[in-house]
Amino acid sequence: MNQTTLCRSISANGVGLHTGVEVNICLRPAPENTGYVFVRTDLDDFEIPASVEYISHCAYATTLMRRGVVLSTCEHLLSALRGSGIDNCFIDLDNIELPIMDGSSEDFVSLIERAGVCEQKSPRHTLKVKHRVEVDLDGRKMSVEPAAAFEIDCVIDFPHPLIRRQSLHFVLDNGSYGREIAAARTFGFTSEIEMMRKANLARGGSLANAIVLSDDGMVNETPLRFDDEFVRHKILDIVGDLALLGMPVAGRFTAEKSGHSIHAQLMSKLLKTESAWEIIESAAVQTAG
């Protein structure tokens, strides 16, 4: 129940989903109480901590900004780190956007497994939710309430024959992230692609890194990895965005038709409602659970 980091550094490369640019990343061990810190090696090792306070905007991806330096599409890697139980990590990268890999976080989880997980000496800290907090934006809802573990109830509803209404209850424990969530890919619609390209988005998108849906089916020739892969990817995004709270959470999150902006609003409201949470050490979580 102590904090963890990687046992060794490990590197990878790919293209950014929205920028289409090549990017190299290196995940490195970090000292206790560091959290996740992005290091822009192309900008004199400028550091951007993975924190709610640095969220810049949330259109189609979660973007961080510190002192004018931007970092985009960080949620899939953060999801892999939190889902794999890593507390402290430096993430070196040499461009503005994290690589999309295959559109899921499976490649990042594999990198973490290859690097190994090492226990550190300091106890893990957990943000324990004490009472319910919620946000509602025109029917797009998200809330959090007390629970012994980190749980997510997610509902999505799209007027598409392959999606429609999907729901899933997920509890993060004993490798559940790698089994149930990591392989779920991001998805988009052919009707949105032209609009996104005009906005200089999705320039690196392809059938190799996203599920692309036509009006009545799927463009990809490879099958879905799960029957409900779409809601599983939404949970992947939620885990990644909630990693910006800076530590594991003991609480049950309920999301209905949510997105990155709703996740950010709930995190901000939760942190501002100081009576709604407390920070406890891992031993206290065991006792409480």
C-alpha atoms as a PDB file:
ATOM      1  CA  MET A   1       0.000   0.000   0.000  1.00  0.00           C
ATOM      2  CA  ASN A   2       3.013   2.260  -0.393  1.00  0.00           C
ATOM      3  CA  GLN A   3       3.581   4.569  -3.350  1.00  0.00           C
ATOM      4  CA  THR A   4       4.964   3.094  -6.577  1.00  0.00           C
ATOM      5  CA  THR A   5       7.029   4.138  -9.566  1.00  0.00           C
ATOM      6  CA  LEU A   6       8.566   2.419 -12.582  1.00  0.00           C
ATOM      7  CA  CYS A   7      11.576   0.178 -12.015  1.00  0.00           C
ATOM      8  CA  ARG A   8      13.341   1.556 -15.108  1.00  0.00           C
ATOM      9  CA  SER A   9      12.894   4.017 -17.949  1.00  0.00           C
ATOM     10  CA  ILE A  10      11.199   2.894 -21.142  1.00  0.00           C
ATOM     11  CA  SER A  11      10.650   4.660 -24.476  1.00  0.00           C
ATOM     12  CA  ALA A  12       8.171   4.629 -27.354  1.00  0.00           C
ATOM     13  CA  ASN A  13       7.121   6.791 -30.287  1.00  0.00           C
ATOM     14  CA  GLY A  14       4.082   7.469 -32.404  1.00  0.00           C
ATOM     15  CA  VAL A  15       1.967  10.239 -33.913  1.00  0.00           C
ATOM     16  CA  GLY A  16      -0.391  12.699 -32.286  1.00  0.00           C
ATOM     17  CA  LEU A  17      -4.069  12.071 -33.038  1.00  0.00           C
ATOM     18  CA  HIS A  18      -4.929  15.713 -33.664  1.00  0.00           C
ATOM     19  CA  THR A  19      -1.604  17.229 -34.772  1.00  0.00           C
ATOM     20  CA  GLY A  20      -0.419  14.264 -36.838  1.00  0.00           C
ATOM     21  CA  VAL A  21       3.175  14.990 -35.765  1.00  0.00           C
ATOM     22  CA  GLU A  22       5.777  12.418 -34.724  1.00  0.00           C
ATOM     23  CA  VAL A  23       6.514  12.346 -31.010  1.00  0.00           C
ATOM     24  CA  ASN A  24       8.971  10.404 -28.863  1.00  0.00           C
ATOM     25  CA  ILE A  25       8.145   9.660 -25.237  1.00  0.00           C
ATOM     26  CA  CYS A  26      10.097   8.199 -22.347  1.00  0.00           C
ATOM     27  CA  LEU A  27       8.504   7.093 -19.086  1.00  0.00           C
ATOM     28  CA  ARG A  28      10.968   7.463 -16.187  1.00  0.00           C
ATOM     29  CA  PRO A  29      10.958   6.564 -12.491  1.00  0.00           C
ATOM     30  CA  ALA A  30      10.143   9.506 -10.211  1.00  0.00           C
ATOM     31  CA  PRO A  31      10.706  10.117  -6.482  1.00  0.00           C
ATOM     32  CA  GLU A  32       7.986   9.707  -3.879  1.00  0.00           C
ATOM     33  CA  ASN A  33       5.254  12.384  -3.824  1.00  0.00           C
ATOM     34  CA  THR A  34       6.085  13.528  -7.366  1.00  0.00           C
ATOM     35  CA  GLY A  35       2.872  12.418  -9.042  1.00  0.00           C
ATOM     36  CA  TYR A  36       2.852  12.522 -12.839  1.00  0.00           C
ATOM     37  CA  VAL A  37       4.976  15.231 -14.450  1.00  0.00           C
ATOM     38  CA  PHE A  38       5.246  15.852 -18.195  1.00  0.00           C
ATOM     39  CA  VAL A  39       8.661  17.097 -19.333  1.00  0.00           C
ATOM     40  CA  ARG A  40       8.881  18.895 -22.701  1.00  0.00           C
ATOM     41  CA  THR A  41      12.408  17.888 -23.760  1.00  0.00           C
ATOM     42  CA  ASP A  42      12.067  20.096 -26.865  1.00  0.00           C
ATOM     43  CA  LEU A  43      11.610  23.142 -24.607  1.00  0.00           C
ATOM     44  CA  ASP A  44      14.565  22.914 -22.208  1.00  0.00           C
ATOM     45  CA  ASP A  45      12.865  20.223 -20.102  1.00  0.00           C
ATOM     46  CA  PHE A  46       9.934  22.470 -19.183  1.00  0.00           C
ATOM     47  CA  GLU A  47       7.710  20.657 -16.676  1.00  0.00           C
ATOM     48  CA  ILE A  48       3.906  20.476 -16.684  1.00  0.00           C
ATOM     49  CA  PRO A  49       2.498  18.579 -13.683  1.00  0.00           C
ATOM     50  CA  ALA A  50      -0.572  16.473 -14.422  1.00  0.00           C
ATOM     51  CA  SER A  51      -2.959  18.550 -12.332  1.00  0.00           C
ATOM     52  CA  VAL A  52      -6.482  19.941 -12.523  1.00  0.00           C
ATOM     53  CA  GLU A  53      -5.107  23.463 -12.165  1.00  0.00           C
ATOM     54  CA  TYR A  54      -3.372  23.224 -15.555  1.00  0.00           C
ATOM     55  CA  ILE A  55      -6.385  22.096 -17.601  1.00  0.00           C
ATOM     56  CA  SER A  56      -6.614  24.500 -20.532  1.00  0.00           C
ATOM     57  CA  HIS A  57      -9.452  23.158 -22.659  1.00  0.00           C
ATOM     58  CA  CYS A  58     -11.270  19.907 -23.309  1.00  0.00           C
ATOM     59  CA  ALA A  59     -12.439  19.880 -26.934  1.00  0.00           C
ATOM     60  CA  TYR A  60     -12.083  16.294 -28.190  1.00  0.00           C
ATOM     61  CA  ALA A  61      -9.133  15.739 -25.799  1.00  0.00           C
ATOM     62  CA  THR A  62      -7.774  16.996 -22.491  1.00  0.00           C
ATOM     63  CA  THR A  63      -5.165  19.716 -22.956  1.00  0.00           C
ATOM     64  CA  LEU A  64      -2.894  21.086 -20.235  1.00  0.00           C
ATOM     65  CA  MET A  65      -1.112  24.440 -20.300  1.00  0.00           C
ATOM     66  CA  ARG A  66       1.444  26.007 -17.973  1.00  0.00           C
ATOM     67  CA  ARG A  67       3.007  29.404 -18.644  1.00  0.00           C
ATOM     68  CA  GLY A  68       1.877  29.239 -22.260  1.00  0.00           C
ATOM     69  CA  VAL A  69       3.364  25.775 -22.880  1.00  0.00           C
ATOM     70  CA  VAL A  70       0.744  23.321 -24.114  1.00  0.00           C
ATOM     71  CA  LEU A  71       0.401  19.553 -23.820  1.00  0.00           C
ATOM     72  CA  SER A  72      -2.463  17.801 -25.588  1.00  0.00           C
ATOM     73  CA  THR A  73      -4.262  14.438 -25.478  1.00  0.00           C
ATOM     74  CA  CYS A  74      -2.778  13.296 -22.184  1.00  0.00           C
ATOM     75  CA  GLU A  75      -5.737  11.260 -20.945  1.00  0.00           C
ATOM     76  CA  HIS A  76      -4.881   7.838 -22.423  1.00  0.00           C
ATOM     77  CA  LEU A  77      -1.398   7.694 -20.909  1.00  0.00           C
ATOM     78  CA  LEU A  78      -2.610   9.047 -17.566  1.00  0.00           C
ATOM     79  CA  SER A  79      -5.350   6.420 -17.631  1.00  0.00           C
ATOM     80  CA  ALA A  80      -2.766   3.674 -18.144  1.00  0.00           C
ATOM     81  CA  LEU A  81      -0.605   4.963 -15.292  1.00  0.00           C
ATOM     82  CA  ARG A  82      -3.487   5.226 -12.830  1.00  0.00           C
ATOM     83  CA  GLY A  83      -5.030   1.968 -14.014  1.00  0.00           C
ATOM     84  CA  SER A  84      -1.688   0.197 -13.554  1.00  0.00           C
ATOM     85  CA  GLY A  85      -1.277   1.521 -10.023  1.00  0.00           C
ATOM     86  CA  ILE A  86       1.660   3.859 -10.723  1.00  0.00           C
ATOM     87  CA  ASP A  87       1.840   6.871  -8.383  1.00  0.00           C
ATOM     88  CA  ASN A  88       4.987   8.692  -9.550  1.00  0.00           C
ATOM     89  CA  CYS A  89       6.330   9.055 -13.075  1.00  0.00           C
ATOM     90  CA  PHE A  90       8.182  11.524 -15.296  1.00  0.00           C
ATOM     91  CA  ILE A  91       6.907  11.554 -18.887  1.00  0.00           C
ATOM     92  CA  ASP A  92       9.430  13.011 -21.331  1.00  0.00           C
ATOM     93  CA  LEU A  93       8.137  14.056 -24.747  1.00  0.00           C
ATOM     94  CA  ASP A  94       9.484  16.162 -27.595  1.00  0.00           C
ATOM     95  CA  ASN A  95       6.322  17.625 -29.078  1.00  0.00           C
ATOM     96  CA  ILE A  96       2.978  19.180 -28.227  1.00  0.00           C
ATOM     97  CA  GLU A  97       0.837  16.029 -28.152  1.00  0.00           C
ATOM     98  CA  LEU A  98       1.064  12.531 -26.677  1.00  0.00           C
ATOM     99  CA  PRO A  99       1.095   9.713 -29.250  1.00  0.00           C
ATOM    100  CA  ILE A 100      -2.268   8.096 -29.900  1.00  0.00           C
ATOM    101  CA  MET A 101      -0.768   4.591 -30.387  1.00  0.00           C
ATOM    102  CA  ASP A 102      -3.691   2.281 -31.376  1.00  0.00           C
ATOM    103  CA  GLY A 103      -6.361   4.572 -29.891  1.00  0.00           C
ATOM    104  CA  SER A 104      -6.527   2.700 -26.590  1.00  0.00           C
ATOM    105  CA  SER A 105      -4.157   2.613 -23.613  1.00  0.00           C
ATOM    106  CA  GLU A 106      -3.083  -1.001 -24.153  1.00  0.00           C
ATOM    107  CA  ASP A 107       0.331  -0.064 -25.582  1.00  0.00           C
ATOM    108  CA  PHE A 108       1.006   2.223 -22.624  1.00  0.00           C
ATOM    109  CA  VAL A 109       0.039  -0.536 -20.182  1.00  0.00           C
ATOM    110  CA  SER A 110       2.452  -2.871 -21.987  1.00  0.00           C
ATOM    111  CA  LEU A 111       5.236  -0.295 -21.630  1.00  0.00           C
ATOM    112  CA  ILE A 112       4.545  -0.010 -17.897  1.00  0.00           C
ATOM    113  CA  GLU A 113       4.575  -3.790 -17.524  1.00  0.00           C
ATOM    114  CA  ARG A 114       7.907  -4.008 -19.355  1.00  0.00           C
ATOM    115  CA  ALA A 115       9.410  -1.282 -17.175  1.00  0.00           C
ATOM    116  CA  GLY A 116       8.142  -2.977 -14.007  1.00  0.00           C
ATOM    117  CA  VAL A 117       6.447  -1.512 -10.947  1.00  0.00           C
ATOM    118  CA  CYS A 118       8.619  -0.780  -7.899  1.00  0.00           C
ATOM    119  CA  GLU A 119       7.301  -0.028  -4.422  1.00  0.00           C
ATOM    120  CA  GLN A 120       8.610   3.054  -2.634  1.00  0.00           C
ATOM    121  CA  LYS A 121       8.950   3.820   1.074  1.00  0.00           C
ATOM    122  CA  SER A 122       6.273   6.473   1.577  1.00  0.00           C
ATOM    123  CA  PRO A 123       2.631   5.487   2.129  1.00  0.00           C
ATOM    124  CA  ARG A 124       0.178   6.069  -0.689  1.00  0.00           C
ATOM    125  CA  HIS A 125      -2.224   8.968  -0.207  1.00  0.00           C
ATOM    126  CA  THR A 126      -5.846   8.687  -1.283  1.00  0.00           C
ATOM    127  CA  LEU A 127      -8.484  11.341  -1.809  1.00  0.00           C
ATOM    128  CA  LYS A 128     -11.463   9.982   0.135  1.00  0.00           C
ATOM    129  CA  VAL A 129     -14.857  11.378  -0.875  1.00  0.00           C
ATOM    130  CA  LYS A 130     -16.995  12.279   2.157  1.00  0.00           C
ATOM    131  CA  HIS A 131     -20.230  13.460   0.548  1.00  0.00           C
ATOM    132  CA  ARG A 132     -21.866  13.700  -2.856  1.00  0.00           C
ATOM    133  CA  VAL A 133     -20.870  16.349  -5.400  1.00  0.00           C
ATOM    134  CA  GLU A 134     -22.492  16.635  -8.840  1.00  0.00           C
ATOM    135  CA  VAL A 135     -22.560  18.679 -12.034  1.00  0.00           C
ATOM    136  CA  ASP A 136     -25.252  18.778 -14.717  1.00  0.00           C
ATOM    137  CA  LEU A 137     -24.866  20.574 -18.035  1.00  0.00           C
ATOM    138  CA  ASP A 138     -27.983  20.204 -20.193  1.00  0.00           C
ATOM    139  CA  GLY A 139     -28.398  16.529 -19.330  1.00  0.00           C
ATOM    140  CA  ARG A 140     -24.700  15.715 -19.438  1.00  0.00           C
ATOM    141  CA  LYS A 141     -24.174  14.632 -15.853  1.00  0.00           C
ATOM    142  CA  MET A 142     -21.456  13.457 -13.518  1.00  0.00           C
ATOM    143  CA  SER A 143     -21.358  12.947  -9.773  1.00  0.00           C
ATOM    144  CA  VAL A 144     -19.192  11.398  -7.086  1.00  0.00           C
ATOM    145  CA  GLU A 145     -20.220   9.952  -3.739  1.00  0.00           C
ATOM    146  CA  PRO A 146     -18.503   8.061  -0.910  1.00  0.00           C
ATOM    147  CA  ALA A 147     -17.294   4.500  -1.567  1.00  0.00           C
ATOM    148  CA  ALA A 148     -14.575   2.236  -0.210  1.00  0.00           C
ATOM    149  CA  ALA A 149     -12.929   1.799  -3.628  1.00  0.00           C
ATOM    150  CA  PHE A 150     -12.535   3.658  -6.937  1.00  0.00           C
ATOM    151  CA  GLU A 151     -15.696   2.859  -8.900  1.00  0.00           C
ATOM    152  CA  ILE A 152     -17.228   4.220 -12.089  1.00  0.00           C
ATOM    153  CA  ASP A 153     -20.805   3.840 -13.344  1.00  0.00           C
ATOM    154  CA  CYS A 154     -20.918   5.083 -16.918  1.00  0.00           C
ATOM    155  CA  VAL A 155     -23.822   5.438 -19.352  1.00  0.00           C
ATOM    156  CA  ILE A 156     -23.523   6.594 -22.962  1.00  0.00           C
ATOM    157  CA  ASP A 157     -26.289   7.057 -25.511  1.00  0.00           C
ATOM    158  CA  PHE A 158     -25.658   7.628 -29.221  1.00  0.00           C
ATOM    159  CA  PRO A 159     -28.214   7.337 -32.047  1.00  0.00           C
ATOM    160  CA  HIS A 160     -26.056   4.796 -33.880  1.00  0.00           C
ATOM    161  CA  PRO A 161     -26.923   1.097 -34.369  1.00  0.00           C
ATOM    162  CA  LEU A 162     -23.553  -0.107 -33.038  1.00  0.00           C
ATOM    163  CA  ILE A 163     -23.740   2.003 -29.881  1.00  0.00           C
ATOM    164  CA  ARG A 164     -27.183   3.177 -28.764  1.00  0.00           C
ATOM    165  CA  ARG A 165     -27.393   3.035 -24.947  1.00  0.00           C
ATOM    166  CA  GLN A 166     -24.490   1.272 -23.208  1.00  0.00           C
ATOM    167  CA  SER A 167     -23.708   1.129 -19.501  1.00  0.00           C
ATOM    168  CA  LEU A 168     -20.980  -0.437 -17.404  1.00  0.00           C
ATOM    169  CA  HIS A 169     -20.008  -0.567 -13.740  1.00  0.00           C
ATOM    170  CA  PHE A 170     -16.226  -0.678 -13.237  1.00  0.00           C
ATOM    171  CA  VAL A 171     -14.212  -1.166 -10.047  1.00  0.00           C
ATOM    172  CA  LEU A 172     -10.455  -0.558 -10.192  1.00  0.00           C
ATOM    173  CA  ASP A 173      -8.819  -3.492  -8.414  1.00  0.00           C
ATOM    174  CA  ASN A 174      -6.605  -6.550  -8.958  1.00  0.00           C
ATOM    175  CA  GLY A 175      -5.687  -5.884 -12.583  1.00  0.00           C
ATOM    176  CA  SER A 176      -9.257  -5.098 -13.667  1.00  0.00           C
ATOM    177  CA  TYR A 177      -8.086  -2.112 -15.729  1.00  0.00           C
ATOM    178  CA  GLY A 178      -5.832  -4.209 -17.954  1.00  0.00           C
ATOM    179  CA  ARG A 179      -8.494  -6.873 -18.431  1.00  0.00           C
ATOM    180  CA  GLU A 180     -11.591  -4.733 -18.905  1.00  0.00           C
ATOM    181  CA  ILE A 181     -10.655  -1.213 -20.034  1.00  0.00           C
ATOM    182  CA  ALA A 182      -7.151  -0.777 -21.504  1.00  0.00           C
ATOM    183  CA  ALA A 183      -7.868  -2.272 -24.950  1.00  0.00           C
ATOM    184  CA  ALA A 184     -10.947  -0.111 -25.679  1.00  0.00           C
ATOM    185  CA  ARG A 185     -10.234   2.282 -28.566  1.00  0.00           C
ATOM    186  CA  THR A 186     -11.320   5.835 -29.159  1.00  0.00           C
ATOM    187  CA  PHE A 187     -14.064   6.309 -31.732  1.00  0.00           C
ATOM    188  CA  GLY A 188     -15.444   8.920 -34.085  1.00  0.00           C
ATOM    189  CA  PHE A 189     -17.964   9.416 -36.861  1.00  0.00           C
ATOM    190  CA  THR A 190     -17.349   9.995 -40.566  1.00  0.00           C
ATOM    191  CA  SER A 191     -19.816  12.895 -40.349  1.00  0.00           C
ATOM    192  CA  GLU A 192     -17.443  14.681 -37.931  1.00  0.00           C
ATOM    193  CA  ILE A 193     -14.158  14.068 -39.728  1.00  0.00           C
ATOM    194  CA  GLU A 194     -14.390  16.871 -42.300  1.00  0.00           C
ATOM    195  CA  MET A 195     -15.420  19.368 -39.623  1.00  0.00           C
ATOM    196  CA  MET A 196     -12.519  18.271 -37.395  1.00  0.00           C
ATOM    197  CA  ARG A 197      -9.982  18.464 -40.220  1.00  0.00           C
ATOM    198  CA  LYS A 198     -11.122  22.014 -41.000  1.00  0.00           C
ATOM    199  CA  ALA A 199     -10.461  22.828 -37.334  1.00  0.00           C
ATOM    200  CA  ASN A 200      -6.961  21.312 -37.671  1.00  0.00           C
ATOM    201  CA  LEU A 201      -7.972  18.302 -35.569  1.00  0.00           C
ATOM    202  CA  ALA A 202      -7.690  14.545 -36.158  1.00  0.00           C
ATOM    203  CA  ARG A 203      -4.829  15.075 -38.637  1.00  0.00           C
ATOM    204  CA  GLY A 204      -3.156  11.929 -37.319  1.00  0.00           C
ATOM    205  CA  GLY A 205      -6.337   9.884 -37.127  1.00  0.00           C
ATOM    206  CA  SER A 206      -6.636   6.642 -39.108  1.00  0.00           C
ATOM    207  CA  LEU A 207      -8.310   3.254 -39.002  1.00  0.00           C
ATOM    208  CA  ALA A 208      -5.183   2.040 -37.195  1.00  0.00           C
ATOM    209  CA  ASN A 209      -5.837   4.254 -34.167  1.00  0.00           C
ATOM    210  CA  ALA A 210      -9.604   4.764 -33.960  1.00  0.00           C
ATOM    211  CA  ILE A 211     -12.944   3.111 -34.546  1.00  0.00           C
ATOM    212  CA  VAL A 212     -14.560   5.072 -37.381  1.00  0.00           C
ATOM    213  CA  LEU A 213     -18.331   4.825 -37.681  1.00  0.00           C
ATOM    214  CA  SER A 214     -20.359   5.511 -40.803  1.00  0.00           C
ATOM    215  CA  ASP A 215     -24.057   6.342 -40.639  1.00  0.00           C
ATOM    216  CA  ASP A 216     -25.092   2.721 -40.206  1.00  0.00           C
ATOM    217  CA  GLY A 217     -21.960   0.694 -39.524  1.00  0.00           C
ATOM    218  CA  MET A 218     -18.199   0.621 -38.977  1.00  0.00           C
ATOM    219  CA  VAL A 219     -15.540   1.541 -41.544  1.00  0.00           C
ATOM    220  CA  ASN A 220     -12.812  -0.554 -39.894  1.00  0.00           C
ATOM    221  CA  GLU A 221     -12.393  -4.088 -41.219  1.00  0.00           C
ATOM    222  CA  THR A 222     -11.190  -5.408 -37.858  1.00  0.00           C
ATOM    223  CA  PRO A 223     -13.984  -6.258 -35.392  1.00  0.00           C
ATOM    224  CA  LEU A 224     -14.792  -4.585 -32.105  1.00  0.00           C
ATOM    225  CA  ARG A 225     -12.655  -5.770 -29.184  1.00  0.00           C
ATOM    226  CA  PHE A 226     -15.681  -5.775 -26.864  1.00  0.00           C
ATOM    227  CA  ASP A 227     -19.381  -5.685 -27.689  1.00  0.00           C
ATOM    228  CA  ASP A 228     -19.546  -2.547 -25.556  1.00  0.00           C
ATOM    229  CA  GLU A 229     -16.123  -1.144 -26.502  1.00  0.00           C
ATOM    230  CA  PHE A 230     -17.555   2.388 -26.730  1.00  0.00           C
ATOM    231  CA  VAL A 231     -18.613   2.711 -23.084  1.00  0.00           C
ATOM    232  CA  ARG A 232     -15.381   1.015 -22.010  1.00  0.00           C
ATOM    233  CA  HIS A 233     -13.390   3.704 -23.818  1.00  0.00           C
ATOM    234  CA  LYS A 234     -15.434   6.386 -22.075  1.00  0.00           C
ATOM    235  CA  ILE A 235     -14.409   4.815 -18.758  1.00  0.00           C
ATOM    236  CA  LEU A 236     -10.787   4.805 -19.978  1.00  0.00           C
ATOM    237  CA  ASP A 237     -11.089   8.560 -20.565  1.00  0.00           C
ATOM    238  CA  ILE A 238     -12.686   9.107 -17.151  1.00  0.00           C
ATOM    239  CA  VAL A 239      -9.870   7.233 -15.379  1.00  0.00           C
ATOM    240  CA  GLY A 240      -7.332   9.347 -17.265  1.00  0.00           C
ATOM    241  CA  ASP A 241      -8.984  12.666 -16.563  1.00  0.00           C
ATOM    242  CA  LEU A 242      -9.525  11.837 -12.883  1.00  0.00           C
ATOM    243  CA  ALA A 243      -5.785  11.114 -12.613  1.00  0.00           C
ATOM    244  CA  LEU A 244      -5.428  14.905 -12.728  1.00  0.00           C
ATOM    245  CA  LEU A 245      -6.663  14.936  -9.119  1.00  0.00           C
ATOM    246  CA  GLY A 246      -3.094  13.906  -8.298  1.00  0.00           C
ATOM    247  CA  MET A 247      -3.740  10.727  -6.325  1.00  0.00           C
ATOM    248  CA  PRO A 248      -6.023   7.684  -6.226  1.00  0.00           C
ATOM    249  CA  VAL A 249      -9.634   8.308  -5.226  1.00  0.00           C
ATOM    250  CA  ALA A 250     -11.917   6.364  -2.903  1.00  0.00           C
ATOM    251  CA  GLY A 251     -15.300   7.261  -4.354  1.00  0.00           C
ATOM    252  CA  ARG A 252     -17.990   6.176  -6.772  1.00  0.00           C
ATOM    253  CA  PHE A 253     -18.309   8.253  -9.929  1.00  0.00           C
ATOM    254  CA  THR A 254     -21.503   8.185 -11.973  1.00  0.00           C
ATOM    255  CA  ALA A 255     -21.337   9.594 -15.498  1.00  0.00           C
ATOM    256  CA  GLU A 256     -24.155   9.965 -18.016  1.00  0.00           C
ATOM    257  CA  LYS A 257     -23.363  11.317 -21.491  1.00  0.00           C
ATOM    258  CA  SER A 258     -20.298  12.956 -20.010  1.00  0.00           C
ATOM    259  CA  GLY A 259     -17.134  14.175 -21.724  1.00  0.00           C
ATOM    260  CA  HIS A 260     -13.773  15.743 -20.914  1.00  0.00           C
ATOM    261  CA  SER A 261     -15.293  19.134 -20.046  1.00  0.00           C
ATOM    262  CA  ILE A 262     -17.786  17.560 -17.609  1.00  0.00           C
ATOM    263  CA  HIS A 263     -14.999  15.557 -15.976  1.00  0.00           C
ATOM    264  CA  ALA A 264     -13.017  18.776 -15.515  1.00  0.00           C
ATOM    265  CA  GLN A 265     -16.022  20.611 -14.064  1.00  0.00           C
ATOM    266  CA  LEU A 266     -16.698  17.879 -11.528  1.00  0.00           C
ATOM    267  CA  MET A 267     -13.046  17.716 -10.434  1.00  0.00           C
ATOM    268  CA  SER A 268     -12.921  21.468 -10.003  1.00  0.00           C
ATOM    269  CA  LYS A 269     -16.176  21.559  -8.022  1.00  0.00           C
ATOM    270  CA  LEU A 270     -15.068  18.629  -5.848  1.00  0.00           C
ATOM    271  CA  LEU A 271     -11.748  20.263  -4.953  1.00  0.00           C
ATOM    272  CA  LYS A 272     -13.443  23.593  -4.201  1.00  0.00           C
ATOM    273  CA  THR A 273     -15.937  21.825  -1.898  1.00  0.00           C
ATOM    274  CA  GLU A 274     -13.393  21.161   0.822  1.00  0.00           C
ATOM    275  CA  SER A 275     -15.934  19.547   3.140  1.00  0.00           C
ATOM    276  CA  ALA A 276     -16.544  16.848   0.508  1.00  0.00           C
ATOM    277  CA  TRP A 277     -13.168  15.142   0.763  1.00  0.00           C
ATOM    278  CA  GLU A 278     -10.124  14.400   2.863  1.00  0.00           C
ATOM    279  CA  ILE A 279      -6.679  13.008   2.124  1.00  0.00           C
ATOM    280  CA  ILE A 280      -5.822   9.815   4.000  1.00  0.00           C
ATOM    281  CA  GLU A 281      -2.937   7.359   4.005  1.00  0.00           C
ATOM    282  CA  SER A 282      -3.307   3.881   2.540  1.00  0.00           C
ATOM    283  CA  ALA A 283      -3.491   2.154   5.923  1.00  0.00           C
ATOM    284  CA  ALA A 284      -6.592   4.226   6.707  1.00  0.00           C
ATOM    285  CA  VAL A 285      -8.141   3.116   3.404  1.00  0.00           C
ATOM    286  CA  GLN A 286      -7.652  -0.512   4.380  1.00  0.00           C
ATOM    287  CA  THR A 287      -9.282   0.088   7.742  1.00  0.00           C
ATOM    288  CA  ALA A 288     -12.168   2.031   6.223  1.00  0.00           C
ATOM    289  CA  GLY A 289     -12.722  -0.620   3.560  1.00  0.00           C
END
